[in-house]
């Protein structure tokens, strides 16, 4: 039961990160994409919706395993 709640919570949080970077809006998506990657649980898949993302600054990815 607790494990199920944990996975549901992870799904909700990961969905929020996916929606944080909005394609084709002309707004810098660098930090949103970085946060999405850095906050993904181990073993997860990070994906973005089809579109053009504005990357205006460096995306730092550190100490990430199994993504």
PDB file of N, CA and C in Angstrom:
ATOM      1  N   UNK A   1       0.823  -1.199   0.000  1.00  0.00           N
ATOM      2  CA  UNK A   1       0.000   0.000   0.000  1.00  0.00           C
ATOM      3  C   UNK A   1       0.860   1.253   0.000  1.00  0.00           C
ATOM      4  N   UNK A   2       1.829   1.316   0.904  1.00  0.00           N
ATOM      5  CA  UNK A   2       2.704   2.490   0.965  1.00  0.00           C
ATOM      6  C   UNK A   2       3.492   2.625  -0.329  1.00  0.00           C
ATOM      7  N   UNK A   3       3.927   1.496  -0.868  1.00  0.00           N
ATOM      8  CA  UNK A   3       4.681   1.518  -2.119  1.00  0.00           C
ATOM      9  C   UNK A   3       3.823   2.089  -3.253  1.00  0.00           C
ATOM     10  N   UNK A   4       2.555   1.720  -3.311  1.00  0.00           N
ATOM     11  CA  UNK A   4       1.649   2.232  -4.341  1.00  0.00           C
ATOM     12  C   UNK A   4       1.488   3.741  -4.226  1.00  0.00           C
ATOM     13  N   UNK A   5       1.320   4.231  -3.025  1.00  0.00           N
ATOM     14  CA  UNK A   5       1.195   5.674  -2.800  1.00  0.00           C
ATOM     15  C   UNK A   5       2.470   6.379  -3.242  1.00  0.00           C
ATOM     16  N   UNK A   6       3.611   5.791  -2.942  1.00  0.00           N
ATOM     17  CA  UNK A   6       4.897   6.362  -3.335  1.00  0.00           C
ATOM     18  C   UNK A   6       4.982   6.493  -4.855  1.00  0.00           C
ATOM     19  N   UNK A   7       4.612   5.452  -5.596  1.00  0.00           N
ATOM     20  CA  UNK A   7       4.679   5.496  -7.052  1.00  0.00           C
ATOM     21  C   UNK A   7       3.677   6.484  -7.642  1.00  0.00           C
ATOM     22  N   UNK A   8       2.525   6.589  -7.056  1.00  0.00           N
ATOM     23  CA  UNK A   8       1.544   7.573  -7.522  1.00  0.00           C
ATOM     24  C   UNK A   8       2.077   8.982  -7.309  1.00  0.00           C
ATOM     25  N   UNK A   9       2.690   9.225  -6.168  1.00  0.00           N
ATOM     26  CA  UNK A   9       3.274  10.534  -5.887  1.00  0.00           C
ATOM     27  C   UNK A   9       4.383  10.860  -6.878  1.00  0.00           C
ATOM     28  N   UNK A  10       5.237   9.899  -7.170  1.00  0.00           N
ATOM     29  CA  UNK A  10       6.310  10.111  -8.151  1.00  0.00           C
ATOM     30  C   UNK A  10       5.714  10.440  -9.512  1.00  0.00           C
ATOM     31  N   UNK A  11       4.668   9.737  -9.911  1.00  0.00           N
ATOM     32  CA  UNK A  11       4.036  10.005 -11.199  1.00  0.00           C
ATOM     33  C   UNK A  11       3.489  11.427 -11.259  1.00  0.00           C
ATOM     34  N   UNK A  12       2.821  11.850 -10.214  1.00  0.00           N
ATOM     35  CA  UNK A  12       2.256  13.203 -10.176  1.00  0.00           C
ATOM     36  C   UNK A  12       3.360  14.246 -10.259  1.00  0.00           C
ATOM     37  N   UNK A  13       4.424  14.056  -9.494  1.00  0.00           N
ATOM     38  CA  UNK A  13       5.532  15.010  -9.519  1.00  0.00           C
ATOM     39  C   UNK A  13       6.226  15.019 -10.868  1.00  0.00           C
ATOM     40  N   UNK A  14       6.425  13.860 -11.478  1.00  0.00           N
ATOM     41  CA  UNK A  14       7.099  13.811 -12.770  1.00  0.00           C
ATOM     42  C   UNK A  14       6.246  14.450 -13.852  1.00  0.00           C
ATOM     43  N   UNK A  15       4.933  14.320 -13.752  1.00  0.00           N
ATOM     44  CA  UNK A  15       4.048  14.968 -14.706  1.00  0.00           C
ATOM     45  C   UNK A  15       4.152  16.483 -14.590  1.00  0.00           C
ATOM     46  N   UNK A  16       4.285  16.985 -13.384  1.00  0.00           N
ATOM     47  CA  UNK A  16       4.430  18.426 -13.180  1.00  0.00           C
ATOM     48  C   UNK A  16       5.706  18.933 -13.830  1.00  0.00           C
ATOM     49  N   UNK A  17       6.796  18.169 -13.725  1.00  0.00           N
ATOM     50  CA  UNK A  17       8.046  18.594 -14.338  1.00  0.00           C
ATOM     51  C   UNK A  17       7.964  18.564 -15.851  1.00  0.00           C
ATOM     52  N   UNK A  18       7.272  17.592 -16.408  1.00  0.00           N
ATOM     53  CA  UNK A  18       7.130  17.517 -17.853  1.00  0.00           C
ATOM     54  C   UNK A  18       6.378  18.741 -18.355  1.00  0.00           C
ATOM     55  N   UNK A  19       5.353  19.147 -17.645  1.00  0.00           N
ATOM     56  CA  UNK A  19       4.547  20.283 -18.066  1.00  0.00           C
ATOM     57  C   UNK A  19       5.217  21.623 -17.798  1.00  0.00           C
ATOM     58  N   UNK A  20       6.298  21.647 -17.011  1.00  0.00           N
ATOM     59  CA  UNK A  20       6.963  22.902 -16.691  1.00  0.00           C
ATOM     60  C   UNK A  20       7.678  23.480 -17.903  1.00  0.00           C
ATOM     61  N   UNK A  21       8.227  22.632 -18.766  1.00  0.00           N
ATOM     62  CA  UNK A  21       8.888  23.089 -19.985  1.00  0.00           C
ATOM     63  C   UNK A  21       7.856  23.046 -21.109  1.00  0.00           C
ATOM     64  N   UNK A  22       7.487  24.215 -21.602  1.00  0.00           N
ATOM     65  CA  UNK A  22       6.437  24.303 -22.618  1.00  0.00           C
ATOM     66  C   UNK A  22       7.076  24.637 -23.963  1.00  0.00           C
ATOM     67  N   UNK A  23       6.892  23.759 -24.956  1.00  0.00           N
ATOM     68  CA  UNK A  23       7.490  24.021 -26.264  1.00  0.00           C
ATOM     69  C   UNK A  23       6.785  25.163 -26.988  1.00  0.00           C
ATOM     70  N   UNK A  24       7.540  25.817 -27.858  1.00  0.00           N
ATOM     71  CA  UNK A  24       7.003  26.833 -28.769  1.00  0.00           C
ATOM     72  C   UNK A  24       6.405  28.052 -28.075  1.00  0.00           C
ATOM     73  N   UNK A  25       6.863  28.354 -26.846  1.00  0.00           N
ATOM     74  CA  UNK A  25       6.293  29.509 -26.147  1.00  0.00           C
ATOM     75  C   UNK A  25       7.233  30.709 -26.113  1.00  0.00           C
ATOM     76  N   UNK A  26       8.462  30.541 -26.613  1.00  0.00           N
ATOM     77  CA  UNK A  26       9.411  31.644 -26.645  1.00  0.00           C
ATOM     78  C   UNK A  26      10.026  31.986 -25.300  1.00  0.00           C
ATOM     79  N   UNK A  27       9.819  31.150 -24.293  1.00  0.00           N
ATOM     80  CA  UNK A  27      10.362  31.379 -22.952  1.00  0.00           C
ATOM     81  C   UNK A  27      11.466  30.360 -22.691  1.00  0.00           C
ATOM     82  N   UNK A  28      12.540  30.796 -22.029  1.00  0.00           N
ATOM     83  CA  UNK A  28      13.677  29.923 -21.721  1.00  0.00           C
ATOM     84  C   UNK A  28      13.221  28.691 -20.938  1.00  0.00           C
ATOM     85  N   UNK A  29      13.515  27.512 -21.474  1.00  0.00           N
ATOM     86  CA  UNK A  29      13.132  26.247 -20.846  1.00  0.00           C
ATOM     87  C   UNK A  29      14.305  25.556 -20.161  1.00  0.00           C
ATOM     88  N   UNK A  30      15.470  26.169 -20.142  1.00  0.00           N
ATOM     89  CA  UNK A  30      16.683  25.534 -19.615  1.00  0.00           C
ATOM     90  C   UNK A  30      16.510  25.035 -18.191  1.00  0.00           C
ATOM     91  N   UNK A  31      16.089  25.892 -17.304  1.00  0.00           N
ATOM     92  CA  UNK A  31      15.970  25.525 -15.888  1.00  0.00           C
ATOM     93  C   UNK A  31      14.887  24.465 -15.678  1.00  0.00           C
ATOM     94  N   UNK A  32      13.788  24.567 -16.395  1.00  0.00           N
ATOM     95  CA  UNK A  32      12.713  23.578 -16.265  1.00  0.00           C
ATOM     96  C   UNK A  32      13.182  22.194 -16.693  1.00  0.00           C
ATOM     97  N   UNK A  33      13.921  22.121 -17.792  1.00  0.00           N
ATOM     98  CA  UNK A  33      14.437  20.835 -18.269  1.00  0.00           C
ATOM     99  C   UNK A  33      15.474  20.297 -17.297  1.00  0.00           C
ATOM    100  N   UNK A  34      16.349  21.165 -16.811  1.00  0.00           N
ATOM    101  CA  UNK A  34      17.350  20.741 -15.823  1.00  0.00           C
ATOM    102  C   UNK A  34      16.672  20.183 -14.570  1.00  0.00           C
ATOM    103  N   UNK A  35      15.671  20.879 -14.055  1.00  0.00           N
ATOM    104  CA  UNK A  35      14.953  20.412 -12.862  1.00  0.00           C
ATOM    105  C   UNK A  35      14.255  19.082 -13.114  1.00  0.00           C
ATOM    106  N   UNK A  36      13.680  18.933 -14.296  1.00  0.00           N
ATOM    107  CA  UNK A  36      13.000  17.693 -14.630  1.00  0.00           C
ATOM    108  C   UNK A  36      13.980  16.523 -14.600  1.00  0.00           C
ATOM    109  N   UNK A  37      15.155  16.700 -15.172  1.00  0.00           N
ATOM    110  CA  UNK A  37      16.162  15.635 -15.197  1.00  0.00           C
ATOM    111  C   UNK A  37      16.699  15.366 -13.800  1.00  0.00           C
ATOM    112  N   UNK A  38      17.051  16.410 -13.082  1.00  0.00           N
ATOM    113  CA  UNK A  38      17.667  16.243 -11.764  1.00  0.00           C
ATOM    114  C   UNK A  38      16.706  15.645 -10.735  1.00  0.00           C
ATOM    115  N   UNK A  39      15.411  15.859 -10.898  1.00  0.00           N
ATOM    116  CA  UNK A  39      14.436  15.369  -9.925  1.00  0.00           C
ATOM    117  C   UNK A  39      13.741  14.081 -10.345  1.00  0.00           C
ATOM    118  N   UNK A  40      14.203  13.482 -11.433  1.00  0.00           N
ATOM    119  CA  UNK A  40      13.630  12.212 -11.874  1.00  0.00           C
ATOM    120  C   UNK A  40      14.166  11.080 -11.016  1.00  0.00           C
ATOM    121  N   UNK A  41      13.315  10.163 -10.621  1.00  0.00           N
ATOM    122  CA  UNK A  41      13.782   9.032  -9.816  1.00  0.00           C
ATOM    123  C   UNK A  41      14.654   8.091 -10.648  1.00  0.00           C
ATOM    124  N   UNK A  42      15.567   7.374 -10.009  1.00  0.00           N
ATOM    125  CA  UNK A  42      16.423   6.424 -10.726  1.00  0.00           C
ATOM    126  C   UNK A  42      15.593   5.419 -11.521  1.00  0.00           C
ATOM    127  N   UNK A  43      16.039   5.144 -12.728  1.00  0.00           N
ATOM    128  CA  UNK A  43      15.356   4.181 -13.582  1.00  0.00           C
ATOM    129  C   UNK A  43      14.219   4.761 -14.395  1.00  0.00           C
ATOM    130  N   UNK A  44      13.960   6.049 -14.253  1.00  0.00           N
ATOM    131  CA  UNK A  44      12.850   6.652 -14.982  1.00  0.00           C
ATOM    132  C   UNK A  44      13.297   7.090 -16.373  1.00  0.00           C
ATOM    133  N   UNK A  45      12.329   7.405 -17.200  1.00  0.00           N
ATOM    134  CA  UNK A  45      12.585   7.909 -18.545  1.00  0.00           C
ATOM    135  C   UNK A  45      12.141   9.360 -18.591  1.00  0.00           C
ATOM    136  N   UNK A  46      13.014  10.215 -19.064  1.00  0.00           N
ATOM    137  CA  UNK A  46      12.696  11.636 -19.205  1.00  0.00           C
ATOM    138  C   UNK A  46      12.350  11.884 -20.667  1.00  0.00           C
ATOM    139  N   UNK A  47      11.191  12.458 -20.918  1.00  0.00           N
ATOM    140  CA  UNK A  47      10.801  12.751 -22.295  1.00  0.00           C
ATOM    141  C   UNK A  47      10.145  14.123 -22.362  1.00  0.00           C
ATOM    142  N   UNK A  48      10.222  14.713 -23.538  1.00  0.00           N
ATOM    143  CA  UNK A  48       9.641  16.031 -23.771  1.00  0.00           C
ATOM    144  C   UNK A  48       8.614  15.927 -24.888  1.00  0.00           C
ATOM    145  N   UNK A  49       7.611  16.773 -24.831  1.00  0.00           N
ATOM    146  CA  UNK A  49       6.628  16.823 -25.903  1.00  0.00           C
ATOM    147  C   UNK A  49       7.304  17.350 -27.167  1.00  0.00           C
ATOM    148  N   UNK A  50       6.743  17.018 -28.310  1.00  0.00           N
ATOM    149  CA  UNK A  50       7.262  17.494 -29.582  1.00  0.00           C
ATOM    150  C   UNK A  50       7.150  19.013 -29.642  1.00  0.00           C
ATOM    151  N   UNK A  51       8.197  19.650 -30.136  1.00  0.00           N
ATOM    152  CA  UNK A  51       8.181  21.097 -30.280  1.00  0.00           C
ATOM    153  C   UNK A  51       9.567  21.675 -30.177  1.00  0.00           C
ATOM    154  N   UNK A  52       9.647  22.979 -30.182  1.00  0.00           N
ATOM    155  CA  UNK A  52      10.912  23.691 -30.077  1.00  0.00           C
ATOM    156  C   UNK A  52      11.042  24.261 -28.673  1.00  0.00           C
ATOM    157  N   UNK A  53      12.136  23.902 -28.016  1.00  0.00           N
ATOM    158  CA  UNK A  53      12.409  24.374 -26.661  1.00  0.00           C
ATOM    159  C   UNK A  53      13.519  25.411 -26.715  1.00  0.00           C
ATOM    160  N   UNK A  54      13.353  26.493 -25.988  1.00  0.00           N
ATOM    161  CA  UNK A  54      14.350  27.558 -25.942  1.00  0.00           C
ATOM    162  C   UNK A  54      15.358  27.246 -24.849  1.00  0.00           C
ATOM    163  N   UNK A  55      16.600  26.976 -25.253  1.00  0.00           N
ATOM    164  CA  UNK A  55      17.687  26.700 -24.318  1.00  0.00           C
ATOM    165  C   UNK A  55      18.602  27.924 -24.355  1.00  0.00           C
ATOM    166  N   UNK A  56      18.481  28.786 -23.357  1.00  0.00           N
ATOM    167  CA  UNK A  56      19.223  30.047 -23.324  1.00  0.00           C
ATOM    168  C   UNK A  56      20.363  30.040 -22.314  1.00  0.00           C
ATOM    169  N   UNK A  57      20.484  28.971 -21.547  1.00  0.00           N
ATOM    170  CA  UNK A  57      21.579  28.866 -20.585  1.00  0.00           C
ATOM    171  C   UNK A  57      21.995  27.406 -20.462  1.00  0.00           C
ATOM    172  N   UNK A  58      23.133  27.195 -19.824  1.00  0.00           N
ATOM    173  CA  UNK A  58      23.690  25.858 -19.678  1.00  0.00           C
ATOM    174  C   UNK A  58      22.794  25.003 -18.784  1.00  0.00           C
ATOM    175  N   UNK A  59      22.623  23.738 -19.182  1.00  0.00           N
ATOM    176  CA  UNK A  59      21.891  22.770 -18.368  1.00  0.00           C
ATOM    177  C   UNK A  59      22.926  21.903 -17.677  1.00  0.00           C
ATOM    178  N   UNK A  60      22.974  21.959 -16.352  1.00  0.00           N
ATOM    179  CA  UNK A  60      23.942  21.193 -15.567  1.00  0.00           C
ATOM    180  C   UNK A  60      23.303  19.907 -15.070  1.00  0.00           C
ATOM    181  N   UNK A  61      23.912  18.791 -15.434  1.00  0.00           N
ATOM    182  CA  UNK A  61      23.427  17.487 -14.994  1.00  0.00           C
ATOM    183  C   UNK A  61      24.567  16.821 -14.249  1.00  0.00           C
ATOM    184  N   UNK A  62      24.375  16.610 -12.948  1.00  0.00           N
ATOM    185  CA  UNK A  62      25.432  16.059 -12.103  1.00  0.00           C
ATOM    186  C   UNK A  62      24.926  14.849 -11.332  1.00  0.00           C
ATOM    187  N   UNK A  63      25.792  13.851 -11.204  1.00  0.00           N
ATOM    188  CA  UNK A  63      25.527  12.680 -10.358  1.00  0.00           C
ATOM    189  C   UNK A  63      24.204  11.990 -10.667  1.00  0.00           C
ATOM    190  N   UNK A  64      23.906  11.823 -11.928  1.00  0.00           N
ATOM    191  CA  UNK A  64      22.677  11.156 -12.337  1.00  0.00           C
ATOM    192  C   UNK A  64      23.006   9.724 -12.739  1.00  0.00           C
ATOM    193  N   UNK A  65      22.212   8.774 -12.234  1.00  0.00           N
ATOM    194  CA  UNK A  65      22.395   7.363 -12.579  1.00  0.00           C
ATOM    195  C   UNK A  65      21.060   6.768 -13.004  1.00  0.00           C
ATOM    196  N   UNK A  66      21.099   5.906 -13.990  1.00  0.00           N
ATOM    197  CA  UNK A  66      19.939   5.112 -14.406  1.00  0.00           C
ATOM    198  C   UNK A  66      18.753   5.929 -14.892  1.00  0.00           C
ATOM    199  N   UNK A  67      19.003   6.991 -15.622  1.00  0.00           N
ATOM    200  CA  UNK A  67      17.887   7.736 -16.227  1.00  0.00           C
ATOM    201  C   UNK A  67      18.000   7.572 -17.723  1.00  0.00           C
TER     202      UNK A  67
END
